[in-house]
Amino acid sequence: MAVMQINRKIDYALRAVIYLTCRQSEKPCSVGEIAQNEDVPKKFLEKIIQDLIRCGLVRSHRGPKGGYTLARDPDEVTFKDIVEAVDGPVSLNICVSETGECGMMPTCGMHWVWEEGQRRVMELFANTTLADMRDRHFASAKAPSATEPRRGN
């Protein structure tokens, strides 16, 4: 069964910046560390990191203890920022893209669905920060698993 999904480049970029956001250390980390911990191909991640650097989302640190850190506060970086840094503007369908080129638009019965879907997705992406993702990560890490016995009962 085919599914509509984001591409690997976006997925890997998000994994990388979330990894940088959730680290307990302020020290830079290597692409190899991110790749290993997030199960991302290192060579592909190196290219993605360069896109993130160009957009001012990740900072490169040179030297023997060099590597990468976030360039901005996690409260200031959105899901949308990451997606657009590596893949450009998001569009559910061509009719809701920046160019909006579709010959069917005047008579299309589903344009309103694409338009509303685009609005909702972009609202979610623009309102979800790296800090939100970090907070959810740590909240889920603290939550007891279903197989773990409850204490205090």
N, C-alpha and C. Protein backbone atom coordinates (compact mmCIF):
# COMPACT_ATOMS: atom_id res chain seq x y z
N MET A 1 0.84 -1.17 0.00
CA MET A 1 0.00 0.00 0.00
C MET A 1 0.89 1.24 0.00
N ALA A 2 0.62 2.16 -0.89
CA ALA A 2 1.38 3.41 -0.97
C ALA A 2 0.83 4.39 0.06
N VAL A 3 1.73 5.18 0.63
CA VAL A 3 1.31 6.20 1.59
C VAL A 3 1.93 7.54 1.23
N MET A 4 1.26 8.60 1.61
CA MET A 4 1.84 9.93 1.43
C MET A 4 2.75 10.15 2.63
N GLN A 5 3.98 10.49 2.38
CA GLN A 5 4.92 10.66 3.49
C GLN A 5 6.00 11.67 3.16
N ILE A 6 6.65 12.16 4.21
CA ILE A 6 7.77 13.07 4.01
C ILE A 6 8.96 12.27 3.49
N ASN A 7 9.88 12.94 2.83
CA ASN A 7 11.03 12.23 2.29
C ASN A 7 12.10 12.00 3.36
N ARG A 8 13.05 11.15 3.04
CA ARG A 8 14.12 10.78 3.99
C ARG A 8 14.96 11.98 4.40
N LYS A 9 15.18 12.89 3.48
CA LYS A 9 16.02 14.06 3.80
C LYS A 9 15.41 14.87 4.94
N ILE A 10 14.11 15.09 4.89
CA ILE A 10 13.42 15.82 5.95
C ILE A 10 13.45 15.01 7.24
N ASP A 11 13.15 13.73 7.15
CA ASP A 11 13.15 12.86 8.32
C ASP A 11 14.51 12.87 9.01
N TYR A 12 15.58 12.73 8.24
CA TYR A 12 16.93 12.71 8.81
C TYR A 12 17.31 14.06 9.41
N ALA A 13 16.93 15.15 8.74
CA ALA A 13 17.22 16.49 9.26
C ALA A 13 16.53 16.70 10.60
N LEU A 14 15.28 16.30 10.68
CA LEU A 14 14.54 16.45 11.93
C LEU A 14 15.15 15.59 13.03
N ARG A 15 15.51 14.36 12.71
CA ARG A 15 16.15 13.50 13.71
C ARG A 15 17.44 14.12 14.22
N ALA A 16 18.23 14.69 13.31
CA ALA A 16 19.51 15.29 13.69
C ALA A 16 19.33 16.48 14.62
N VAL A 17 18.43 17.40 14.28
CA VAL A 17 18.27 18.58 15.13
C VAL A 17 17.59 18.24 16.45
N ILE A 18 16.71 17.27 16.45
CA ILE A 18 16.10 16.84 17.70
C ILE A 18 17.16 16.19 18.58
N TYR A 19 18.05 15.41 17.97
CA TYR A 19 19.16 14.82 18.72
C TYR A 19 20.02 15.92 19.36
N LEU A 20 20.37 16.94 18.56
CA LEU A 20 21.17 18.05 19.10
C LEU A 20 20.42 18.77 20.22
N THR A 21 19.12 18.89 20.07
CA THR A 21 18.30 19.58 21.07
C THR A 21 18.22 18.80 22.38
N CYS A 22 18.15 17.49 22.30
CA CYS A 22 17.93 16.65 23.48
C CYS A 22 19.20 16.25 24.21
N ARG A 23 20.35 16.54 23.64
CA ARG A 23 21.61 16.19 24.32
C ARG A 23 21.73 16.93 25.64
N GLN A 24 22.30 16.28 26.62
CA GLN A 24 22.49 16.90 27.93
C GLN A 24 23.76 17.75 27.99
N SER A 25 24.57 17.67 26.95
CA SER A 25 25.84 18.38 26.92
C SER A 25 25.78 19.55 25.95
N GLU A 26 26.49 20.60 26.27
CA GLU A 26 26.60 21.76 25.39
C GLU A 26 27.74 21.58 24.39
N LYS A 27 28.56 20.54 24.60
CA LYS A 27 29.70 20.30 23.72
C LYS A 27 29.22 19.89 22.33
N PRO A 28 29.97 20.29 21.30
CA PRO A 28 29.62 19.86 19.94
C PRO A 28 29.67 18.35 19.80
N CYS A 29 28.87 17.82 18.90
CA CYS A 29 28.93 16.39 18.63
C CYS A 29 29.16 16.17 17.14
N SER A 30 29.73 15.05 16.82
CA SER A 30 30.11 14.75 15.44
C SER A 30 28.92 14.22 14.64
N VAL A 31 29.05 14.30 13.33
CA VAL A 31 28.06 13.72 12.44
C VAL A 31 27.97 12.22 12.70
N GLY A 32 29.12 11.59 12.96
CA GLY A 32 29.14 10.16 13.23
C GLY A 32 28.31 9.80 14.45
N GLU A 33 28.39 10.62 15.50
CA GLU A 33 27.59 10.37 16.72
C GLU A 33 26.10 10.48 16.41
N ILE A 34 25.72 11.53 15.70
CA ILE A 34 24.31 11.71 15.35
C ILE A 34 23.85 10.55 14.48
N ALA A 35 24.63 10.23 13.45
CA ALA A 35 24.27 9.16 12.52
C ALA A 35 24.08 7.83 13.24
N GLN A 36 24.98 7.52 14.14
CA GLN A 36 24.91 6.26 14.87
C GLN A 36 23.69 6.22 15.80
N ASN A 37 23.48 7.28 16.53
CA ASN A 37 22.37 7.31 17.49
C ASN A 37 20.99 7.44 16.85
N GLU A 38 20.93 8.01 15.68
CA GLU A 38 19.65 8.22 15.01
C GLU A 38 19.44 7.29 13.81
N ASP A 39 20.38 6.37 13.60
CA ASP A 39 20.28 5.40 12.50
C ASP A 39 20.09 6.10 11.14
N VAL A 40 21.00 7.03 10.87
CA VAL A 40 20.98 7.82 9.65
C VAL A 40 22.29 7.58 8.90
N PRO A 41 22.25 7.39 7.58
CA PRO A 41 23.50 7.23 6.83
C PRO A 41 24.39 8.47 6.98
N LYS A 42 25.63 8.26 7.40
CA LYS A 42 26.55 9.35 7.72
C LYS A 42 26.79 10.27 6.52
N LYS A 43 27.05 9.73 5.35
CA LYS A 43 27.35 10.56 4.17
C LYS A 43 26.16 11.46 3.81
N PHE A 44 24.96 10.90 3.88
CA PHE A 44 23.77 11.68 3.58
C PHE A 44 23.57 12.76 4.64
N LEU A 45 23.81 12.42 5.90
CA LEU A 45 23.66 13.37 6.99
C LEU A 45 24.65 14.53 6.86
N GLU A 46 25.85 14.26 6.39
CA GLU A 46 26.84 15.33 6.20
C GLU A 46 26.30 16.39 5.25
N LYS A 47 25.63 15.97 4.18
CA LYS A 47 25.05 16.92 3.22
C LYS A 47 23.89 17.70 3.84
N ILE A 48 23.08 17.00 4.61
CA ILE A 48 21.94 17.63 5.27
C ILE A 48 22.40 18.68 6.28
N ILE A 49 23.42 18.34 7.05
CA ILE A 49 23.97 19.28 8.04
C ILE A 49 24.44 20.56 7.35
N GLN A 50 25.04 20.44 6.16
CA GLN A 50 25.48 21.63 5.43
C GLN A 50 24.30 22.54 5.09
N ASP A 51 23.16 21.95 4.70
CA ASP A 51 21.96 22.75 4.44
C ASP A 51 21.51 23.47 5.71
N LEU A 52 21.57 22.77 6.83
CA LEU A 52 21.15 23.36 8.11
C LEU A 52 22.09 24.48 8.55
N ILE A 53 23.37 24.33 8.24
CA ILE A 53 24.35 25.38 8.54
C ILE A 53 24.07 26.61 7.68
N ARG A 54 23.86 26.39 6.38
CA ARG A 54 23.59 27.50 5.46
C ARG A 54 22.35 28.31 5.88
N CYS A 55 21.39 27.65 6.48
CA CYS A 55 20.17 28.34 6.91
C CYS A 55 20.26 28.88 8.33
N GLY A 56 21.43 28.75 8.95
CA GLY A 56 21.63 29.31 10.28
C GLY A 56 20.97 28.53 11.41
N LEU A 57 20.70 27.25 11.18
CA LEU A 57 20.05 26.44 12.21
C LEU A 57 21.03 25.59 13.01
N VAL A 58 22.16 25.26 12.39
CA VAL A 58 23.20 24.47 13.04
C VAL A 58 24.51 25.23 12.90
N ARG A 59 25.36 25.11 13.91
CA ARG A 59 26.66 25.77 13.90
C ARG A 59 27.75 24.70 13.87
N SER A 60 28.77 24.95 13.07
CA SER A 60 29.92 24.06 12.97
C SER A 60 31.03 24.58 13.86
N HIS A 61 31.70 23.66 14.58
CA HIS A 61 32.83 24.00 15.44
C HIS A 61 34.03 23.20 14.96
N ARG A 62 35.09 23.89 14.63
CA ARG A 62 36.30 23.23 14.12
C ARG A 62 37.19 22.77 15.26
N GLY A 63 38.15 21.91 14.90
CA GLY A 63 39.16 21.48 15.86
C GLY A 63 38.92 20.06 16.35
N PRO A 64 39.86 19.57 17.17
CA PRO A 64 39.79 18.18 17.64
C PRO A 64 38.54 17.89 18.48
N LYS A 65 38.01 18.90 19.14
CA LYS A 65 36.79 18.71 19.92
C LYS A 65 35.61 19.38 19.23
N GLY A 66 35.73 19.52 17.93
CA GLY A 66 34.70 20.18 17.14
C GLY A 66 33.51 19.28 16.86
N GLY A 67 32.62 19.81 16.10
CA GLY A 67 31.41 19.09 15.74
C GLY A 67 30.30 20.09 15.48
N TYR A 68 29.10 19.74 15.89
CA TYR A 68 27.93 20.56 15.57
C TYR A 68 27.07 20.79 16.80
N THR A 69 26.50 21.99 16.84
CA THR A 69 25.54 22.36 17.87
C THR A 69 24.41 23.13 17.20
N LEU A 70 23.33 23.33 17.92
CA LEU A 70 22.27 24.20 17.41
C LEU A 70 22.79 25.63 17.36
N ALA A 71 22.39 26.37 16.36
CA ALA A 71 22.83 27.76 16.23
C ALA A 71 21.86 28.73 16.90
N ARG A 72 20.65 28.25 17.15
CA ARG A 72 19.64 29.11 17.77
C ARG A 72 18.98 28.38 18.93
N ASP A 73 18.34 29.13 19.77
CA ASP A 73 17.62 28.58 20.92
C ASP A 73 16.49 27.66 20.42
N PRO A 74 16.31 26.50 21.04
CA PRO A 74 15.25 25.57 20.61
C PRO A 74 13.84 26.17 20.64
N ASP A 75 13.62 27.20 21.44
CA ASP A 75 12.32 27.87 21.46
C ASP A 75 12.08 28.70 20.21
N GLU A 76 13.14 29.00 19.47
CA GLU A 76 13.04 29.88 18.30
C GLU A 76 13.06 29.13 16.98
N VAL A 77 13.27 27.83 17.01
CA VAL A 77 13.36 27.04 15.77
C VAL A 77 12.14 26.14 15.66
N THR A 78 11.45 26.26 14.53
CA THR A 78 10.24 25.47 14.33
C THR A 78 10.49 24.27 13.41
N PHE A 79 9.56 23.37 13.48
CA PHE A 79 9.53 22.21 12.58
C PHE A 79 9.57 22.71 11.13
N LYS A 80 8.81 23.76 10.85
CA LYS A 80 8.76 24.36 9.51
C LYS A 80 10.14 24.86 9.08
N ASP A 81 10.88 25.49 9.99
CA ASP A 81 12.22 25.98 9.67
C ASP A 81 13.11 24.85 9.17
N ILE A 82 13.06 23.71 9.87
CA ILE A 82 13.90 22.57 9.51
C ILE A 82 13.49 22.00 8.16
N VAL A 83 12.21 21.77 7.99
CA VAL A 83 11.70 21.20 6.74
C VAL A 83 12.09 22.07 5.56
N GLU A 84 11.84 23.37 5.66
CA GLU A 84 12.12 24.27 4.55
C GLU A 84 13.62 24.47 4.32
N ALA A 85 14.43 24.32 5.36
CA ALA A 85 15.88 24.46 5.20
C ALA A 85 16.44 23.36 4.29
N VAL A 86 15.90 22.18 4.38
CA VAL A 86 16.47 21.07 3.61
C VAL A 86 15.67 20.71 2.36
N ASP A 87 14.41 21.16 2.28
CA ASP A 87 13.59 20.72 1.15
C ASP A 87 12.78 21.83 0.50
N GLY A 88 12.88 23.04 0.99
CA GLY A 88 12.11 24.13 0.42
C GLY A 88 10.68 24.14 0.95
N PRO A 89 9.84 24.99 0.38
CA PRO A 89 8.47 25.13 0.87
C PRO A 89 7.67 23.82 0.79
N VAL A 90 6.82 23.62 1.77
CA VAL A 90 5.98 22.42 1.85
C VAL A 90 4.68 22.67 1.10
N SER A 91 4.26 21.67 0.33
CA SER A 91 3.00 21.78 -0.39
C SER A 91 2.35 20.42 -0.48
N LEU A 92 1.10 20.33 -0.02
CA LEU A 92 0.37 19.06 -0.10
C LEU A 92 0.01 18.69 -1.53
N ASN A 93 -0.22 19.69 -2.36
CA ASN A 93 -0.57 19.47 -3.76
C ASN A 93 -0.14 20.69 -4.55
N ILE A 94 0.01 20.54 -5.84
CA ILE A 94 0.51 21.64 -6.67
C ILE A 94 -0.40 22.87 -6.60
N CYS A 95 -1.68 22.65 -6.41
CA CYS A 95 -2.62 23.78 -6.40
C CYS A 95 -2.47 24.67 -5.16
N VAL A 96 -1.82 24.17 -4.13
CA VAL A 96 -1.60 24.98 -2.93
C VAL A 96 -0.12 25.33 -2.75
N SER A 97 0.67 25.11 -3.78
CA SER A 97 2.08 25.46 -3.74
C SER A 97 2.24 26.96 -3.96
N GLU A 98 3.46 27.44 -3.86
CA GLU A 98 3.70 28.88 -4.05
C GLU A 98 3.29 29.34 -5.45
N THR A 99 3.48 28.48 -6.45
CA THR A 99 3.11 28.86 -7.82
C THR A 99 1.62 28.64 -8.07
N GLY A 100 1.02 27.66 -7.41
CA GLY A 100 -0.41 27.40 -7.55
C GLY A 100 -0.84 27.06 -8.96
N GLU A 101 0.04 26.43 -9.73
CA GLU A 101 -0.25 26.14 -11.13
C GLU A 101 -1.06 24.86 -11.27
N CYS A 102 -2.33 25.02 -11.56
CA CYS A 102 -3.19 23.87 -11.81
C CYS A 102 -4.34 24.33 -12.68
N GLY A 103 -4.48 23.73 -13.84
CA GLY A 103 -5.54 24.09 -14.77
C GLY A 103 -6.92 23.68 -14.29
N MET A 104 -7.00 22.83 -13.31
CA MET A 104 -8.28 22.34 -12.82
C MET A 104 -8.89 23.22 -11.72
N MET A 105 -8.12 24.18 -11.20
CA MET A 105 -8.57 24.94 -10.04
C MET A 105 -9.97 25.55 -10.17
N PRO A 106 -10.32 26.16 -11.28
CA PRO A 106 -11.65 26.80 -11.33
C PRO A 106 -12.81 25.82 -11.14
N THR A 107 -12.61 24.56 -11.51
CA THR A 107 -13.71 23.59 -11.41
C THR A 107 -13.41 22.43 -10.46
N CYS A 108 -12.31 22.49 -9.76
CA CYS A 108 -11.89 21.38 -8.91
C CYS A 108 -12.75 21.30 -7.65
N GLY A 109 -13.33 20.14 -7.42
CA GLY A 109 -14.17 19.95 -6.25
C GLY A 109 -13.39 19.63 -4.99
N MET A 110 -12.09 19.39 -5.12
CA MET A 110 -11.32 19.04 -3.92
C MET A 110 -10.29 20.10 -3.53
N HIS A 111 -10.23 21.19 -4.26
CA HIS A 111 -9.25 22.23 -3.94
C HIS A 111 -9.39 22.71 -2.49
N TRP A 112 -10.60 22.84 -2.02
CA TRP A 112 -10.82 23.31 -0.64
C TRP A 112 -10.19 22.37 0.38
N VAL A 113 -10.19 21.06 0.07
CA VAL A 113 -9.58 20.09 0.99
C VAL A 113 -8.07 20.29 1.03
N TRP A 114 -7.45 20.45 -0.14
CA TRP A 114 -6.00 20.68 -0.20
C TRP A 114 -5.64 21.98 0.49
N GLU A 115 -6.46 23.00 0.29
CA GLU A 115 -6.19 24.30 0.88
C GLU A 115 -6.28 24.23 2.42
N GLU A 116 -7.32 23.58 2.93
CA GLU A 116 -7.48 23.45 4.38
C GLU A 116 -6.39 22.56 4.97
N GLY A 117 -6.07 21.46 4.28
CA GLY A 117 -4.99 20.58 4.73
C GLY A 117 -3.67 21.33 4.79
N GLN A 118 -3.39 22.10 3.76
CA GLN A 118 -2.16 22.91 3.71
C GLN A 118 -2.12 23.88 4.88
N ARG A 119 -3.23 24.56 5.13
CA ARG A 119 -3.30 25.52 6.23
C ARG A 119 -3.03 24.84 7.57
N ARG A 120 -3.65 23.70 7.80
CA ARG A 120 -3.50 23.01 9.08
C ARG A 120 -2.08 22.46 9.26
N VAL A 121 -1.53 21.86 8.21
CA VAL A 121 -0.16 21.33 8.30
C VAL A 121 0.83 22.44 8.57
N MET A 122 0.71 23.54 7.83
CA MET A 122 1.65 24.64 8.01
C MET A 122 1.50 25.29 9.38
N GLU A 123 0.28 25.35 9.88
CA GLU A 123 0.05 25.89 11.22
C GLU A 123 0.74 25.00 12.27
N LEU A 124 0.58 23.69 12.13
CA LEU A 124 1.23 22.77 13.05
C LEU A 124 2.74 22.87 12.96
N PHE A 125 3.29 22.86 11.75
CA PHE A 125 4.73 22.96 11.56
C PHE A 125 5.29 24.27 12.10
N ALA A 126 4.58 25.37 11.87
CA ALA A 126 5.06 26.69 12.31
C ALA A 126 4.94 26.88 13.82
N ASN A 127 4.02 26.14 14.46
CA ASN A 127 3.81 26.31 15.89
C ASN A 127 4.50 25.25 16.74
N THR A 128 5.20 24.32 16.12
CA THR A 128 5.91 23.28 16.86
C THR A 128 7.40 23.61 16.84
N THR A 129 7.95 23.84 18.02
CA THR A 129 9.37 24.21 18.12
C THR A 129 10.22 23.00 18.51
N LEU A 130 11.52 23.17 18.38
CA LEU A 130 12.44 22.13 18.85
C LEU A 130 12.29 21.95 20.36
N ALA A 131 12.00 23.02 21.08
CA ALA A 131 11.79 22.91 22.53
C ALA A 131 10.58 22.03 22.82
N ASP A 132 9.52 22.16 22.02
CA ASP A 132 8.34 21.30 22.19
C ASP A 132 8.72 19.83 21.99
N MET A 133 9.50 19.57 20.97
CA MET A 133 9.91 18.19 20.68
C MET A 133 10.82 17.65 21.78
N ARG A 134 11.71 18.50 22.28
CA ARG A 134 12.59 18.10 23.39
C ARG A 134 11.76 17.77 24.63
N ASP A 135 10.79 18.62 24.94
CA ASP A 135 9.96 18.41 26.12
C ASP A 135 9.18 17.11 26.01
N ARG A 136 8.64 16.82 24.85
CA ARG A 136 7.90 15.57 24.64
C ARG A 136 8.84 14.37 24.76
N HIS A 137 10.05 14.52 24.23
CA HIS A 137 11.04 13.43 24.31
C HIS A 137 11.33 13.09 25.77
N PHE A 138 11.61 14.10 26.57
CA PHE A 138 11.94 13.85 27.96
C PHE A 138 10.72 13.38 28.76
N ALA A 139 9.53 13.86 28.41
CA ALA A 139 8.31 13.41 29.10
C ALA A 139 8.06 11.93 28.81
N SER A 140 8.27 11.52 27.56
CA SER A 140 8.03 10.10 27.22
C SER A 140 9.12 9.21 27.81
N ALA A 141 10.33 9.74 27.98
CA ALA A 141 11.40 8.95 28.58
C ALA A 141 11.15 8.72 30.06
N LYS A 142 10.44 9.64 30.71
CA LYS A 142 10.14 9.52 32.14
C LYS A 142 8.88 8.70 32.41
N ALA A 143 8.01 8.58 31.41
CA ALA A 143 6.75 7.86 31.60
C ALA A 143 7.03 6.37 31.82
N PRO A 144 6.34 5.75 32.80
CA PRO A 144 6.56 4.31 33.02
C PRO A 144 6.01 3.52 31.84
N SER A 145 6.70 2.45 31.51
CA SER A 145 6.23 1.62 30.40
C SER A 145 5.05 0.78 30.85
N ALA A 146 4.33 0.21 29.90
CA ALA A 146 3.15 -0.59 30.21
C ALA A 146 3.53 -1.85 30.99
N THR A 147 4.75 -2.35 30.82
CA THR A 147 5.15 -3.58 31.49
C THR A 147 5.80 -3.29 32.85
N GLU A 148 6.07 -2.03 33.13
CA GLU A 148 6.72 -1.65 34.38
C GLU A 148 5.69 -1.61 35.50
N PRO A 149 5.95 -2.23 36.66
CA PRO A 149 4.96 -2.20 37.74
C PRO A 149 4.80 -0.79 38.29
N ARG A 150 3.57 -0.46 38.68
CA ARG A 150 3.31 0.84 39.28
C ARG A 150 3.75 0.83 40.73
N ARG A 151 4.25 1.94 41.18
CA ARG A 151 4.69 2.05 42.58
C ARG A 151 3.61 2.78 43.37
N GLY A 152 3.56 2.46 44.66
CA GLY A 152 2.67 3.18 45.55
C GLY A 152 1.25 2.66 45.59
N ASN A 153 0.96 1.55 44.97
CA ASN A 153 -0.42 1.00 45.01
C ASN A 153 -0.54 -0.07 46.03
